[in-house]
């Protein structure tokens, strides 16, 4: 069984494949951009969580000190 395809059809198929490759490349760039954003956001979340823990620890320390002062009076 032989399939006959015109040169015009082959050109159209090749053009379509090139367009798909270009679209894939753009999607890969977007994916990498979003991965970088996610990484930066996660790093910022970690930094903020550390800062919150530091503040919580400081508050706990102050509470202990204030309780000690109230008991002394």
Protein backbone atom coordinates (compact mmCIF):
# COMPACT_ATOMS: atom_id res chain seq x y z
CA UNK A 1 0.00 0.00 0.00
CA UNK A 2 1.52 3.28 -1.09
CA UNK A 3 0.53 6.67 0.26
CA UNK A 4 0.99 9.65 -1.99
CA UNK A 5 1.65 12.98 -0.32
CA UNK A 6 2.21 16.22 -2.14
CA UNK A 7 5.22 18.41 -1.47
CA UNK A 8 2.87 21.12 -0.23
CA UNK A 9 1.43 18.75 2.37
CA UNK A 10 4.92 17.77 3.51
CA UNK A 11 5.88 21.45 3.82
CA UNK A 12 2.75 22.09 5.87
CA UNK A 13 3.50 19.16 8.15
CA UNK A 14 7.11 20.32 8.64
CA UNK A 15 5.92 23.85 9.40
CA UNK A 16 3.43 22.47 11.91
CA UNK A 17 6.17 20.42 13.59
CA UNK A 18 8.43 23.49 13.77
CA UNK A 19 5.59 25.42 15.38
CA UNK A 20 5.10 22.64 17.91
CA UNK A 21 8.83 22.68 18.74
CA UNK A 22 8.72 26.46 19.23
CA UNK A 23 5.65 26.14 21.45
CA UNK A 24 7.37 23.43 23.49
CA UNK A 25 10.43 25.64 23.94
CA UNK A 26 8.24 28.51 25.19
CA UNK A 27 6.43 26.21 27.60
CA UNK A 28 9.74 24.90 28.94
CA UNK A 29 10.93 28.49 29.51
CA UNK A 30 7.70 29.30 31.35
CA UNK A 31 8.03 26.15 33.44
CA UNK A 32 11.58 27.06 34.44
CA UNK A 33 10.50 30.63 35.27
CA UNK A 34 7.73 29.30 37.51
CA UNK A 35 10.11 26.85 39.19
CA UNK A 36 12.47 29.73 39.98
CA UNK A 37 9.55 31.75 41.37
CA UNK A 38 8.43 28.80 43.49
CA UNK A 39 11.96 28.34 44.85
CA UNK A 40 12.20 32.04 45.73
CA UNK A 41 8.79 31.96 47.40
CA UNK A 42 9.75 28.87 49.40
CA UNK A 43 12.98 30.53 50.51
CA UNK A 44 11.02 33.60 51.60
CA UNK A 45 8.55 31.41 53.53
CA UNK A 46 11.47 29.71 55.33
CA UNK A 47 12.98 33.09 56.18
CA UNK A 48 9.67 34.40 57.51
CA UNK A 49 9.10 31.23 59.56
CA UNK A 50 12.54 31.64 61.15
CA UNK A 51 11.71 35.26 61.97
CA UNK A 52 8.36 34.23 63.49
CA UNK A 53 10.11 31.59 65.60
CA UNK A 54 12.66 34.15 66.78
CA UNK A 55 9.84 36.52 67.79
CA UNK A 56 7.95 33.69 69.53
CA UNK A 57 11.10 32.76 71.46
CA UNK A 58 11.63 36.38 72.45
CA UNK A 59 8.02 36.68 73.61
CA UNK A 60 8.36 33.49 75.65
CA UNK A 61 11.51 34.87 77.26
CA UNK A 62 9.81 38.15 78.13
CA UNK A 63 6.82 36.31 79.62
CA UNK A 64 9.15 34.30 81.86
CA UNK A 65 10.93 37.45 82.99
CA UNK A 66 7.66 39.26 83.70
CA UNK A 67 6.29 36.29 85.68
CA UNK A 68 9.47 36.35 87.76
CA UNK A 69 9.06 40.06 88.46
CA UNK A 70 5.40 39.65 89.47
CA UNK A 71 6.28 36.82 91.89
CA UNK A 72 9.03 38.89 93.54
CA UNK A 73 6.69 41.75 94.45
